[in-house]
Amino acid sequence: MAQHNELGALGEALAVDYLLDHGYAILERNFRFDKAEIDIIAQKCKEFVVVVEVKTRNSDFFGDPQSFISSGKIQLLVKAANEFMVSRGKEEEVRFDVIAVLHNQKMTQLTHFENAFYHF
């Protein structure tokens, strides 16, 4: 596995641990539909299903991890979230969160952005 893939997998594992520690239930990981992949689908309350995009970097030299989410990626996430909700017969609102992870030999920093973007 390439080093960047290992870093991404570590970031997702840290994000899952964080969500579990904060009372979320993990409904699914790495949900794929068409060309889209949702890293984590979680739920904390009955009103929302939370689609979580995890962005992991080893440095913020080129920008914060969350700044690497393009409008195209958002469109793919919305499409995949819609498929997840329809295929599972779920009727809750969908909230899109981002968990940004900075991880290197000196530090690990995780930041959770709730309602990180809107799907219109």
PDB file of N, CA and C in Angstrom:
ATOM      1  N   MET A   1       0.853  -1.180   0.000  1.00  0.00           N
ATOM      2  CA  MET A   1       0.000   0.000   0.000  1.00  0.00           C
ATOM      3  C   MET A   1       0.897   1.240   0.000  1.00  0.00           C
ATOM      4  N   ALA A   2       0.565   2.190  -0.839  1.00  0.00           N
ATOM      5  CA  ALA A   2       1.352   3.424  -0.922  1.00  0.00           C
ATOM      6  C   ALA A   2       1.253   4.202   0.383  1.00  0.00           C
ATOM      7  N   GLN A   3       2.294   4.982   0.656  1.00  0.00           N
ATOM      8  CA  GLN A   3       2.363   5.709   1.921  1.00  0.00           C
ATOM      9  C   GLN A   3       1.168   6.648   2.097  1.00  0.00           C
ATOM     10  N   HIS A   4       0.733   7.332   1.020  1.00  0.00           N
ATOM     11  CA  HIS A   4      -0.406   8.236   1.159  1.00  0.00           C
ATOM     12  C   HIS A   4      -1.691   7.470   1.458  1.00  0.00           C
ATOM     13  N   ASN A   5      -1.811   6.235   0.936  1.00  0.00           N
ATOM     14  CA  ASN A   5      -2.971   5.408   1.252  1.00  0.00           C
ATOM     15  C   ASN A   5      -2.963   4.992   2.715  1.00  0.00           C
ATOM     16  N   GLU A   6      -1.775   4.677   3.232  1.00  0.00           N
ATOM     17  CA  GLU A   6      -1.652   4.314   4.649  1.00  0.00           C
ATOM     18  C   GLU A   6      -2.018   5.495   5.535  1.00  0.00           C
ATOM     19  N   LEU A   7      -1.584   6.688   5.148  1.00  0.00           N
ATOM     20  CA  LEU A   7      -1.920   7.886   5.919  1.00  0.00           C
ATOM     21  C   LEU A   7      -3.420   8.134   5.886  1.00  0.00           C
ATOM     22  N   GLY A   8      -4.030   7.949   4.734  1.00  0.00           N
ATOM     23  CA  GLY A   8      -5.483   8.115   4.617  1.00  0.00           C
ATOM     24  C   GLY A   8      -6.238   7.112   5.469  1.00  0.00           C
ATOM     25  N   ALA A   9      -5.800   5.858   5.460  1.00  0.00           N
ATOM     26  CA  ALA A   9      -6.445   4.826   6.274  1.00  0.00           C
ATOM     27  C   ALA A   9      -6.295   5.139   7.761  1.00  0.00           C
ATOM     28  N   LEU A  10      -5.122   5.628   8.155  1.00  0.00           N
ATOM     29  CA  LEU A  10      -4.913   6.021   9.548  1.00  0.00           C
ATOM     30  C   LEU A  10      -5.844   7.167   9.917  1.00  0.00           C
ATOM     31  N   GLY A  11      -5.950   8.160   9.044  1.00  0.00           N
ATOM     32  CA  GLY A  11      -6.844   9.294   9.299  1.00  0.00           C
ATOM     33  C   GLY A  11      -8.289   8.855   9.471  1.00  0.00           C
ATOM     34  N   GLU A  12      -8.734   7.937   8.623  1.00  0.00           N
ATOM     35  CA  GLU A  12     -10.099   7.428   8.749  1.00  0.00           C
ATOM     36  C   GLU A  12     -10.292   6.667  10.052  1.00  0.00           C
ATOM     37  N   ALA A  13      -9.306   5.872  10.453  1.00  0.00           N
ATOM     38  CA  ALA A  13      -9.404   5.134  11.719  1.00  0.00           C
ATOM     39  C   ALA A  13      -9.466   6.105  12.899  1.00  0.00           C
ATOM     40  N   LEU A  14      -8.648   7.154  12.862  1.00  0.00           N
ATOM     41  CA  LEU A  14      -8.687   8.171  13.928  1.00  0.00           C
ATOM     42  C   LEU A  14     -10.036   8.871  13.949  1.00  0.00           C
ATOM     43  N   ALA A  15     -10.599   9.142  12.775  1.00  0.00           N
ATOM     44  CA  ALA A  15     -11.905   9.794  12.694  1.00  0.00           C
ATOM     45  C   ALA A  15     -13.007   8.901  13.261  1.00  0.00           C
ATOM     46  N   VAL A  16     -12.962   7.609  12.945  1.00  0.00           N
ATOM     47  CA  VAL A  16     -13.955   6.672  13.491  1.00  0.00           C
ATOM     48  C   VAL A  16     -13.859   6.641  15.013  1.00  0.00           C
ATOM     49  N   ASP A  17     -12.641   6.531  15.550  1.00  0.00           N
ATOM     50  CA  ASP A  17     -12.462   6.525  17.008  1.00  0.00           C
ATOM     51  C   ASP A  17     -13.022   7.804  17.627  1.00  0.00           C
ATOM     52  N   TYR A  18     -12.741   8.939  17.002  1.00  0.00           N
ATOM     53  CA  TYR A  18     -13.239  10.229  17.485  1.00  0.00           C
ATOM     54  C   TYR A  18     -14.772  10.237  17.508  1.00  0.00           C
ATOM     55  N   LEU A  19     -15.377   9.817  16.403  1.00  0.00           N
ATOM     56  CA  LEU A  19     -16.840   9.814  16.327  1.00  0.00           C
ATOM     57  C   LEU A  19     -17.450   8.888  17.376  1.00  0.00           C
ATOM     58  N   LEU A  20     -16.900   7.702  17.524  1.00  0.00           N
ATOM     59  CA  LEU A  20     -17.404   6.763  18.541  1.00  0.00           C
ATOM     60  C   LEU A  20     -17.272   7.360  19.942  1.00  0.00           C
ATOM     61  N   ASP A  21     -16.142   8.003  20.213  1.00  0.00           N
ATOM     62  CA  ASP A  21     -15.918   8.632  21.519  1.00  0.00           C
ATOM     63  C   ASP A  21     -16.895   9.776  21.785  1.00  0.00           C
ATOM     64  N   HIS A  22     -17.445  10.345  20.707  1.00  0.00           N
ATOM     65  CA  HIS A  22     -18.367  11.465  20.845  1.00  0.00           C
ATOM     66  C   HIS A  22     -19.828  11.054  20.628  1.00  0.00           C
ATOM     67  N   GLY A  23     -20.118   9.775  20.775  1.00  0.00           N
ATOM     68  CA  GLY A  23     -21.494   9.302  20.797  1.00  0.00           C
ATOM     69  C   GLY A  23     -22.127   8.986  19.455  1.00  0.00           C
ATOM     70  N   TYR A  24     -21.351   8.945  18.395  1.00  0.00           N
ATOM     71  CA  TYR A  24     -21.892   8.603  17.088  1.00  0.00           C
ATOM     72  C   TYR A  24     -21.886   7.089  16.904  1.00  0.00           C
ATOM     73  N   ALA A  25     -22.863   6.609  16.175  1.00  0.00           N
ATOM     74  CA  ALA A  25     -22.863   5.221  15.716  1.00  0.00           C
ATOM     75  C   ALA A  25     -22.378   5.234  14.269  1.00  0.00           C
ATOM     76  N   ILE A  26     -21.518   4.315  13.927  1.00  0.00           N
ATOM     77  CA  ILE A  26     -21.019   4.223  12.562  1.00  0.00           C
ATOM     78  C   ILE A  26     -21.976   3.321  11.786  1.00  0.00           C
ATOM     79  N   LEU A  27     -22.617   3.878  10.767  1.00  0.00           N
ATOM     80  CA  LEU A  27     -23.553   3.104   9.952  1.00  0.00           C
ATOM     81  C   LEU A  27     -22.839   2.372   8.823  1.00  0.00           C
ATOM     82  N   GLU A  28     -21.822   3.021   8.257  1.00  0.00           N
ATOM     83  CA  GLU A  28     -21.092   2.404   7.157  1.00  0.00           C
ATOM     84  C   GLU A  28     -19.777   3.143   6.928  1.00  0.00           C
ATOM     85  N   ARG A  29     -18.809   2.408   6.430  1.00  0.00           N
ATOM     86  CA  ARG A  29     -17.518   3.001   6.040  1.00  0.00           C
ATOM     87  C   ARG A  29     -17.270   2.696   4.573  1.00  0.00           C
ATOM     88  N   ASN A  30     -16.652   3.642   3.897  1.00  0.00           N
ATOM     89  CA  ASN A  30     -16.252   3.492   2.502  1.00  0.00           C
ATOM     90  C   ASN A  30     -17.405   3.043   1.597  1.00  0.00           C
ATOM     91  N   PHE A  31     -18.537   3.743   1.743  1.00  0.00           N
ATOM     92  CA  PHE A  31     -19.698   3.477   0.889  1.00  0.00           C
ATOM     93  C   PHE A  31     -19.406   4.006  -0.503  1.00  0.00           C
ATOM     94  N   ARG A  32     -19.549   3.138  -1.493  1.00  0.00           N
ATOM     95  CA  ARG A  32     -19.249   3.521  -2.872  1.00  0.00           C
ATOM     96  C   ARG A  32     -20.522   3.512  -3.716  1.00  0.00           C
ATOM     97  N   PHE A  33     -20.618   4.519  -4.571  1.00  0.00           N
ATOM     98  CA  PHE A  33     -21.680   4.564  -5.564  1.00  0.00           C
ATOM     99  C   PHE A  33     -21.149   5.309  -6.777  1.00  0.00           C
ATOM    100  N   ASP A  34     -21.256   4.659  -7.928  1.00  0.00           N
ATOM    101  CA  ASP A  34     -20.769   5.250  -9.164  1.00  0.00           C
ATOM    102  C   ASP A  34     -19.291   5.617  -8.988  1.00  0.00           C
ATOM    103  N   LYS A  35     -18.902   6.867  -9.146  1.00  0.00           N
ATOM    104  CA  LYS A  35     -17.506   7.272  -8.985  1.00  0.00           C
ATOM    105  C   LYS A  35     -17.239   7.894  -7.617  1.00  0.00           C
ATOM    106  N   ALA A  36     -18.211   7.809  -6.731  1.00  0.00           N
ATOM    107  CA  ALA A  36     -18.103   8.475  -5.432  1.00  0.00           C
ATOM    108  C   ALA A  36     -17.847   7.476  -4.312  1.00  0.00           C
ATOM    109  N   GLU A  37     -17.168   7.971  -3.289  1.00  0.00           N
ATOM    110  CA  GLU A  37     -16.971   7.182  -2.078  1.00  0.00           C
ATOM    111  C   GLU A  37     -17.172   8.090  -0.876  1.00  0.00           C
ATOM    112  N   ILE A  38     -17.987   7.625   0.055  1.00  0.00           N
ATOM    113  CA  ILE A  38     -18.176   8.322   1.319  1.00  0.00           C
ATOM    114  C   ILE A  38     -17.306   7.612   2.344  1.00  0.00           C
ATOM    115  N   ASP A  39     -16.444   8.356   3.018  1.00  0.00           N
ATOM    116  CA  ASP A  39     -15.521   7.748   3.980  1.00  0.00           C
ATOM    117  C   ASP A  39     -16.269   7.119   5.149  1.00  0.00           C
ATOM    118  N   ILE A  40     -17.148   7.912   5.766  1.00  0.00           N
ATOM    119  CA  ILE A  40     -17.877   7.432   6.959  1.00  0.00           C
ATOM    120  C   ILE A  40     -19.305   7.955   6.898  1.00  0.00           C
ATOM    121  N   ILE A  41     -20.246   7.085   7.213  1.00  0.00           N
ATOM    122  CA  ILE A  41     -21.636   7.499   7.401  1.00  0.00           C
ATOM    123  C   ILE A  41     -21.969   7.157   8.841  1.00  0.00           C
ATOM    124  N   ALA A  42     -22.411   8.172   9.582  1.00  0.00           N
ATOM    125  CA  ALA A  42     -22.627   8.003  11.016  1.00  0.00           C
ATOM    126  C   ALA A  42     -23.955   8.621  11.426  1.00  0.00           C
ATOM    127  N   GLN A  43     -24.344   8.352  12.662  1.00  0.00           N
ATOM    128  CA  GLN A  43     -25.567   8.942  13.196  1.00  0.00           C
ATOM    129  C   GLN A  43     -25.414   9.097  14.699  1.00  0.00           C
ATOM    130  N   LYS A  44     -25.814  10.281  15.180  1.00  0.00           N
ATOM    131  CA  LYS A  44     -25.756  10.557  16.614  1.00  0.00           C
ATOM    132  C   LYS A  44     -27.154  10.768  17.174  1.00  0.00           C
ATOM    133  N   CYS A  45     -28.006  11.386  16.387  1.00  0.00           N
ATOM    134  CA  CYS A  45     -29.384  11.620  16.820  1.00  0.00           C
ATOM    135  C   CYS A  45     -30.321  11.162  15.715  1.00  0.00           C
ATOM    136  N   LYS A  46     -31.597  11.077  16.035  1.00  0.00           N
ATOM    137  CA  LYS A  46     -32.576  10.556  15.083  1.00  0.00           C
ATOM    138  C   LYS A  46     -32.804  11.480  13.896  1.00  0.00           C
ATOM    139  N   GLU A  47     -32.496  12.756  14.043  1.00  0.00           N
ATOM    140  CA  GLU A  47     -32.833  13.725  13.001  1.00  0.00           C
ATOM    141  C   GLU A  47     -31.870  13.714  11.820  1.00  0.00           C
ATOM    142  N   PHE A  48     -30.608  13.332  12.037  1.00  0.00           N
ATOM    143  CA  PHE A  48     -29.588  13.464  11.001  1.00  0.00           C
ATOM    144  C   PHE A  48     -28.819  12.177  10.755  1.00  0.00           C
ATOM    145  N   VAL A  49     -28.546  11.930   9.490  1.00  0.00           N
ATOM    146  CA  VAL A  49     -27.507  10.987   9.093  1.00  0.00           C
ATOM    147  C   VAL A  49     -26.338  11.872   8.685  1.00  0.00           C
ATOM    148  N   VAL A  50     -25.157  11.557   9.171  1.00  0.00           N
ATOM    149  CA  VAL A  50     -23.994  12.411   8.961  1.00  0.00           C
ATOM    150  C   VAL A  50     -23.032  11.741   7.976  1.00  0.00           C
ATOM    151  N   VAL A  51     -22.797  12.429   6.866  1.00  0.00           N
ATOM    152  CA  VAL A  51     -21.825  11.995   5.869  1.00  0.00           C
ATOM    153  C   VAL A  51     -20.518  12.694   6.215  1.00  0.00           C
ATOM    154  N   VAL A  52     -19.483  11.916   6.447  1.00  0.00           N
ATOM    155  CA  VAL A  52     -18.214  12.477   6.897  1.00  0.00           C
ATOM    156  C   VAL A  52     -17.133  12.241   5.845  1.00  0.00           C
ATOM    157  N   GLU A  53     -16.555  13.337   5.389  1.00  0.00           N
ATOM    158  CA  GLU A  53     -15.385  13.277   4.505  1.00  0.00           C
ATOM    159  C   GLU A  53     -14.163  13.485   5.390  1.00  0.00           C
ATOM    160  N   VAL A  54     -13.227  12.564   5.330  1.00  0.00           N
ATOM    161  CA  VAL A  54     -12.010  12.654   6.129  1.00  0.00           C
ATOM    162  C   VAL A  54     -10.875  13.089   5.203  1.00  0.00           C
ATOM    163  N   LYS A  55     -10.197  14.143   5.587  1.00  0.00           N
ATOM    164  CA  LYS A  55      -9.033  14.620   4.834  1.00  0.00           C
ATOM    165  C   LYS A  55      -7.831  14.559   5.754  1.00  0.00           C
ATOM    166  N   THR A  56      -6.822  13.813   5.345  1.00  0.00           N
ATOM    167  CA  THR A  56      -5.635  13.611   6.168  1.00  0.00           C
ATOM    168  C   THR A  56      -4.406  14.095   5.415  1.00  0.00           C
ATOM    169  N   ARG A  57      -3.594  14.833   6.106  1.00  0.00           N
ATOM    170  CA  ARG A  57      -2.338  15.320   5.547  1.00  0.00           C
ATOM    171  C   ARG A  57      -1.263  15.189   6.627  1.00  0.00           C
ATOM    172  N   ASN A  58       0.003  15.164   6.195  1.00  0.00           N
ATOM    173  CA  ASN A  58       1.082  15.116   7.183  1.00  0.00           C
ATOM    174  C   ASN A  58       1.629  16.504   7.467  1.00  0.00           C
ATOM    175  N   SER A  59       1.138  17.508   6.728  1.00  0.00           N
ATOM    176  CA  SER A  59       1.583  18.884   6.929  1.00  0.00           C
ATOM    177  C   SER A  59       0.503  19.824   6.408  1.00  0.00           C
ATOM    178  N   ASP A  60       0.450  21.018   6.983  1.00  0.00           N
ATOM    179  CA  ASP A  60      -0.469  22.019   6.453  1.00  0.00           C
ATOM    180  C   ASP A  60       0.287  23.070   5.623  1.00  0.00           C
ATOM    181  N   PHE A  61       1.498  22.715   5.178  1.00  0.00           N
ATOM    182  CA  PHE A  61       2.336  23.632   4.409  1.00  0.00           C
ATOM    183  C   PHE A  61       1.607  24.148   3.164  1.00  0.00           C
ATOM    184  N   PHE A  62       0.877  23.265   2.483  1.00  0.00           N
ATOM    185  CA  PHE A  62       0.163  23.656   1.266  1.00  0.00           C
ATOM    186  C   PHE A  62      -1.282  24.051   1.535  1.00  0.00           C
ATOM    187  N   GLY A  63      -1.701  24.039   2.781  1.00  0.00           N
ATOM    188  CA  GLY A  63      -3.069  24.404   3.146  1.00  0.00           C
ATOM    189  C   GLY A  63      -3.650  23.401   4.116  1.00  0.00           C
ATOM    190  N   ASP A  64      -4.720  23.820   4.764  1.00  0.00           N
ATOM    191  CA  ASP A  64      -5.422  22.941   5.699  1.00  0.00           C
ATOM    192  C   ASP A  64      -6.021  21.759   4.945  1.00  0.00           C
ATOM    193  N   PRO A  65      -6.099  20.599   5.594  1.00  0.00           N
ATOM    194  CA  PRO A  65      -6.630  19.418   4.899  1.00  0.00           C
ATOM    195  C   PRO A  65      -8.011  19.653   4.294  1.00  0.00           C
ATOM    196  N   GLN A  66      -8.887  20.338   5.014  1.00  0.00           N
ATOM    197  CA  GLN A  66     -10.247  20.548   4.543  1.00  0.00           C
ATOM    198  C   GLN A  66     -10.325  21.414   3.289  1.00  0.00           C
ATOM    199  N   SER A  67      -9.282  22.180   3.013  1.00  0.00           N
ATOM    200  CA  SER A  67      -9.300  23.045   1.834  1.00  0.00           C
ATOM    201  C   SER A  67      -9.099  22.264   0.534  1.00  0.00           C
ATOM    202  N   PHE A  68      -8.833  20.975   0.628  1.00  0.00           N
ATOM    203  CA  PHE A  68      -8.616  20.152  -0.552  1.00  0.00           C
ATOM    204  C   PHE A  68      -9.896  19.459  -1.035  1.00  0.00           C
ATOM    205  N   ILE A  69     -11.047  19.878  -0.547  1.00  0.00           N
ATOM    206  CA  ILE A  69     -12.317  19.309  -0.994  1.00  0.00           C
ATOM    207  C   ILE A  69     -12.860  20.205  -2.108  1.00  0.00           C
ATOM    208  N   SER A  70     -12.913  19.662  -3.294  1.00  0.00           N
ATOM    209  CA  SER A  70     -13.349  20.440  -4.456  1.00  0.00           C
ATOM    210  C   SER A  70     -14.868  20.423  -4.599  1.00  0.00           C
ATOM    211  N   SER A  71     -15.377  21.310  -5.419  1.00  0.00           N
ATOM    212  CA  SER A  71     -16.817  21.337  -5.679  1.00  0.00           C
ATOM    213  C   SER A  71     -17.246  20.046  -6.377  1.00  0.00           C
ATOM    214  N   GLY A  72     -16.371  19.484  -7.208  1.00  0.00           N
ATOM    215  CA  GLY A  72     -16.674  18.204  -7.840  1.00  0.00           C
ATOM    216  C   GLY A  72     -16.805  17.084  -6.826  1.00  0.00           C
ATOM    217  N   LYS A  73     -15.936  17.088  -5.828  1.00  0.00           N
ATOM    218  CA  LYS A  73     -16.000  16.086  -4.759  1.00  0.00           C
ATOM    219  C   LYS A  73     -17.304  16.234  -3.982  1.00  0.00           C
ATOM    220  N   ILE A  74     -17.701  17.476  -3.725  1.00  0.00           N
ATOM    221  CA  ILE A  74     -18.957  17.713  -3.012  1.00  0.00           C
ATOM    222  C   ILE A  74     -20.127  17.150  -3.811  1.00  0.00           C
ATOM    223  N   GLN A  75     -20.147  17.377  -5.113  1.00  0.00           N
ATOM    224  CA  GLN A  75     -21.223  16.850  -5.953  1.00  0.00           C
ATOM    225  C   GLN A  75     -21.268  15.323  -5.900  1.00  0.00           C
ATOM    226  N   LEU A  76     -20.099  14.683  -5.927  1.00  0.00           N
ATOM    227  CA  LEU A  76     -20.060  13.224  -5.836  1.00  0.00           C
ATOM    228  C   LEU A  76     -20.550  12.737  -4.473  1.00  0.00           C
ATOM    229  N   LEU A  77     -20.184  13.441  -3.406  1.00  0.00           N
ATOM    230  CA  LEU A  77     -20.644  13.061  -2.066  1.00  0.00           C
ATOM    231  C   LEU A  77     -22.161  13.163  -1.960  1.00  0.00           C
ATOM    232  N   VAL A  78     -22.724  14.226  -2.516  1.00  0.00           N
ATOM    233  CA  VAL A  78     -24.178  14.412  -2.485  1.00  0.00           C
ATOM    234  C   VAL A  78     -24.868  13.283  -3.239  1.00  0.00           C
ATOM    235  N   LYS A  79     -24.334  12.937  -4.401  1.00  0.00           N
ATOM    236  CA  LYS A  79     -24.900  11.855  -5.211  1.00  0.00           C
ATOM    237  C   LYS A  79     -24.858  10.528  -4.450  1.00  0.00           C
ATOM    238  N   ALA A  80     -23.722  10.230  -3.842  1.00  0.00           N
ATOM    239  CA  ALA A  80     -23.576   8.978  -3.085  1.00  0.00           C
ATOM    240  C   ALA A  80     -24.459   8.982  -1.839  1.00  0.00           C
ATOM    241  N   ALA A  81     -24.553  10.135  -1.169  1.00  0.00           N
ATOM    242  CA  ALA A  81     -25.406  10.225   0.025  1.00  0.00           C
ATOM    243  C   ALA A  81     -26.862   9.971  -0.341  1.00  0.00           C
ATOM    244  N   ASN A  82     -27.283  10.525  -1.465  1.00  0.00           N
ATOM    245  CA  ASN A  82     -28.654  10.302  -1.917  1.00  0.00           C
ATOM    246  C   ASN A  82     -28.902   8.815  -2.177  1.00  0.00           C
ATOM    247  N   GLU A  83     -27.961   8.159  -2.827  1.00  0.00           N
ATOM    248  CA  GLU A  83     -28.097   6.729  -3.090  1.00  0.00           C
ATOM    249  C   GLU A  83     -28.145   5.935  -1.783  1.00  0.00           C
ATOM    250  N   PHE A  84     -27.304   6.278  -0.832  1.00  0.00           N
ATOM    251  CA  PHE A  84     -27.314   5.583   0.450  1.00  0.00           C
ATOM    252  C   PHE A  84     -28.685   5.717   1.116  1.00  0.00           C
ATOM    253  N   MET A  85     -29.197   6.940   1.154  1.00  0.00           N
ATOM    254  CA  MET A  85     -30.473   7.183   1.831  1.00  0.00           C
ATOM    255  C   MET A  85     -31.622   6.443   1.137  1.00  0.00           C
ATOM    256  N   VAL A  86     -31.662   6.490  -0.179  1.00  0.00           N
ATOM    257  CA  VAL A  86     -32.728   5.826  -0.935  1.00  0.00           C
ATOM    258  C   VAL A  86     -32.610   4.312  -0.798  1.00  0.00           C
ATOM    259  N   SER A  87     -31.410   3.780  -0.967  1.00  0.00           N
ATOM    260  CA  SER A  87     -31.227   2.320  -0.925  1.00  0.00           C
ATOM    261  C   SER A  87     -31.472   1.738   0.461  1.00  0.00           C
ATOM    262  N   ARG A  88     -31.327   2.543   1.488  1.00  0.00           N
ATOM    263  CA  ARG A  88     -31.550   2.070   2.863  1.00  0.00           C
ATOM    264  C   ARG A  88     -32.930   2.468   3.396  1.00  0.00           C
ATOM    265  N   GLY A  89     -33.714   3.170   2.586  1.00  0.00           N
ATOM    266  CA  GLY A  89     -35.055   3.585   3.009  1.00  0.00           C
ATOM    267  C   GLY A  89     -35.029   4.571   4.158  1.00  0.00           C
ATOM    268  N   LYS A  90     -33.982   5.388   4.230  1.00  0.00           N
ATOM    269  CA  LYS A  90     -33.848   6.348   5.323  1.00  0.00           C
ATOM    270  C   LYS A  90     -34.464   7.678   4.914  1.00  0.00           C
ATOM    271  N   GLU A  91     -35.061   8.362   5.874  1.00  0.00           N
ATOM    272  CA  GLU A  91     -35.744   9.615   5.574  1.00  0.00           C
ATOM    273  C   GLU A  91     -35.221  10.788   6.395  1.00  0.00           C
ATOM    274  N   GLU A  92     -34.160  10.586   7.147  1.00  0.00           N
ATOM    275  CA  GLU A  92     -33.610  11.655   7.961  1.00  0.00           C
ATOM    276  C   GLU A  92     -32.964  12.723   7.076  1.00  0.00           C
ATOM    277  N   GLU A  93     -32.697  13.874   7.670  1.00  0.00           N
ATOM    278  CA  GLU A  93     -31.920  14.906   6.995  1.00  0.00           C
ATOM    279  C   GLU A  93     -30.483  14.414   6.897  1.00  0.00           C
ATOM    280  N   VAL A  94     -29.766  14.888   5.897  1.00  0.00           N
ATOM    281  CA  VAL A  94     -28.354  14.539   5.751  1.00  0.00           C
ATOM    282  C   VAL A  94     -27.516  15.762   6.080  1.00  0.00           C
ATOM    283  N   ARG A  95     -26.531  15.557   6.917  1.00  0.00           N
ATOM    284  CA  ARG A  95     -25.580  16.619   7.265  1.00  0.00           C
ATOM    285  C   ARG A  95     -24.213  16.197   6.749  1.00  0.00           C
ATOM    286  N   PHE A  96     -23.494  17.149   6.175  1.00  0.00           N
ATOM    287  CA  PHE A  96     -22.165  16.868   5.631  1.00  0.00           C
ATOM    288  C   PHE A  96     -21.108  17.482   6.547  1.00  0.00           C
ATOM    289  N   ASP A  97     -20.277  16.627   7.120  1.00  0.00           N
ATOM    290  CA  ASP A  97     -19.199  17.049   8.004  1.00  0.00           C
ATOM    291  C   ASP A  97     -17.851  16.734   7.360  1.00  0.00           C
ATOM    292  N   VAL A  98     -16.843  17.435   7.830  1.00  0.00           N
ATOM    293  CA  VAL A  98     -15.471  17.137   7.436  1.00  0.00           C
ATOM    294  C   VAL A  98     -14.659  16.928   8.702  1.00  0.00           C
ATOM    295  N   ILE A  99     -13.851  15.900   8.706  1.00  0.00           N
ATOM    296  CA  ILE A  99     -12.878  15.717   9.772  1.00  0.00           C
ATOM    297  C   ILE A  99     -11.509  15.864   9.130  1.00  0.00           C
ATOM    298  N   ALA A 100     -10.785  16.887   9.565  1.00  0.00           N
ATOM    299  CA  ALA A 100      -9.438  17.164   9.055  1.00  0.00           C
ATOM    300  C   ALA A 100      -8.427  16.602  10.042  1.00  0.00           C
ATOM    301  N   VAL A 101      -7.510  15.812   9.521  1.00  0.00           N
ATOM    302  CA  VAL A 101      -6.491  15.185  10.363  1.00  0.00           C
ATOM    303  C   VAL A 101      -5.113  15.612   9.865  1.00  0.00           C
ATOM    304  N   LEU A 102      -4.334  16.167  10.771  1.00  0.00           N
ATOM    305  CA  LEU A 102      -2.918  16.415  10.517  1.00  0.00           C
ATOM    306  C   LEU A 102      -2.148  15.411  11.356  1.00  0.00           C
ATOM    307  N   HIS A 103      -1.324  14.602  10.707  1.00  0.00           N
ATOM    308  CA  HIS A 103      -0.601  13.568  11.441  1.00  0.00           C
ATOM    309  C   HIS A 103       0.810  13.444  10.881  1.00  0.00           C
ATOM    310  N   ASN A 104       1.782  13.539  11.753  1.00  0.00           N
ATOM    311  CA  ASN A 104       3.174  13.270  11.390  1.00  0.00           C
ATOM    312  C   ASN A 104       3.886  12.768  12.635  1.00  0.00           C
ATOM    313  N   GLN A 105       5.183  12.646  12.586  1.00  0.00           N
ATOM    314  CA  GLN A 105       5.944  12.091  13.713  1.00  0.00           C
ATOM    315  C   GLN A 105       5.852  12.952  14.961  1.00  0.00           C
ATOM    316  N   LYS A 106       5.600  14.239  14.787  1.00  0.00           N
ATOM    317  CA  LYS A 106       5.592  15.159  15.928  1.00  0.00           C
ATOM    318  C   LYS A 106       4.215  15.396  16.529  1.00  0.00           C
ATOM    319  N   MET A 107       3.157  15.172  15.750  1.00  0.00           N
ATOM    320  CA  MET A 107       1.841  15.520  16.264  1.00  0.00           C
ATOM    321  C   MET A 107       0.723  14.817  15.518  1.00  0.00           C
ATOM    322  N   THR A 108      -0.414  14.741  16.198  1.00  0.00           N
ATOM    323  CA  THR A 108      -1.665  14.320  15.580  1.00  0.00           C
ATOM    324  C   THR A 108      -2.715  15.324  16.024  1.00  0.00           C
ATOM    325  N   GLN A 109      -3.365  15.933  15.044  1.00  0.00           N
ATOM    326  CA  GLN A 109      -4.384  16.940  15.328  1.00  0.00           C
ATOM    327  C   GLN A 109      -5.622  16.616  14.503  1.00  0.00           C
ATOM    328  N   LEU A 110      -6.767  16.564  15.157  1.00  0.00           N
ATOM    329  CA  LEU A 110      -8.021  16.254  14.483  1.00  0.00           C
ATOM    330  C   LEU A 110      -8.988  17.398  14.734  1.00  0.00           C
ATOM    331  N   THR A 111      -9.632  17.887  13.664  1.00  0.00           N
ATOM    332  CA  THR A 111     -10.620  18.956  13.782  1.00  0.00           C
ATOM    333  C   THR A 111     -11.892  18.504  13.083  1.00  0.00           C
ATOM    334  N   HIS A 112     -13.020  18.620  13.789  1.00  0.00           N
ATOM    335  CA  HIS A 112     -14.319  18.194  13.255  1.00  0.00           C
ATOM    336  C   HIS A 112     -15.115  19.440  12.868  1.00  0.00           C
ATOM    337  N   PHE A 113     -15.460  19.531  11.594  1.00  0.00           N
ATOM    338  CA  PHE A 113     -16.281  20.636  11.089  1.00  0.00           C
ATOM    339  C   PHE A 113     -17.685  20.099  10.800  1.00  0.00           C
ATOM    340  N   GLU A 114     -18.641  20.448  11.656  1.00  0.00           N
ATOM    341  CA  GLU A 114     -20.020  20.054  11.428  1.00  0.00           C
ATOM    342  C   GLU A 114     -20.630  20.998  10.401  1.00  0.00           C
ATOM    343  N   ASN A 115     -21.571  20.483   9.611  1.00  0.00           N
ATOM    344  CA  ASN A 115     -22.205  21.289   8.557  1.00  0.00           C
ATOM    345  C   ASN A 115     -21.162  21.993   7.715  1.00  0.00           C
ATOM    346  N   ALA A 116     -20.174  21.254   7.261  1.00  0.00           N
ATOM    347  CA  ALA A 116     -19.035  21.837   6.554  1.00  0.00           C
ATOM    348  C   ALA A 116     -19.428  22.449   5.210  1.00  0.00           C
ATOM    349  N   PHE A 117     -20.440  21.898   4.575  1.00  0.00           N
ATOM    350  CA  PHE A 117     -20.924  22.467   3.327  1.00  0.00           C
ATOM    351  C   PHE A 117     -22.381  22.069   3.130  1.00  0.00           C
ATOM    352  N   TYR A 118     -23.034  22.812   2.259  1.00  0.00           N
ATOM    353  CA  TYR A 118     -24.437  22.567   1.978  1.00  0.00           C
ATOM    354  C   TYR A 118     -24.572  21.973   0.581  1.00  0.00           C
ATOM    355  N   HIS A 119     -25.588  21.214   0.396  1.00  0.00           N
ATOM    356  CA  HIS A 119     -25.741  20.420  -0.823  1.00  0.00           C
ATOM    357  C   HIS A 119     -26.807  20.990  -1.758  1.00  0.00           C
ATOM    358  N   PHE A 120     -26.587  22.215  -2.229  1.00  0.00           N
ATOM    359  CA  PHE A 120     -27.549  22.768  -3.178  1.00  0.00           C
ATOM    360  C   PHE A 120     -26.877  23.214  -4.441  1.00  0.00           C
TER     361      PHE A 120
END
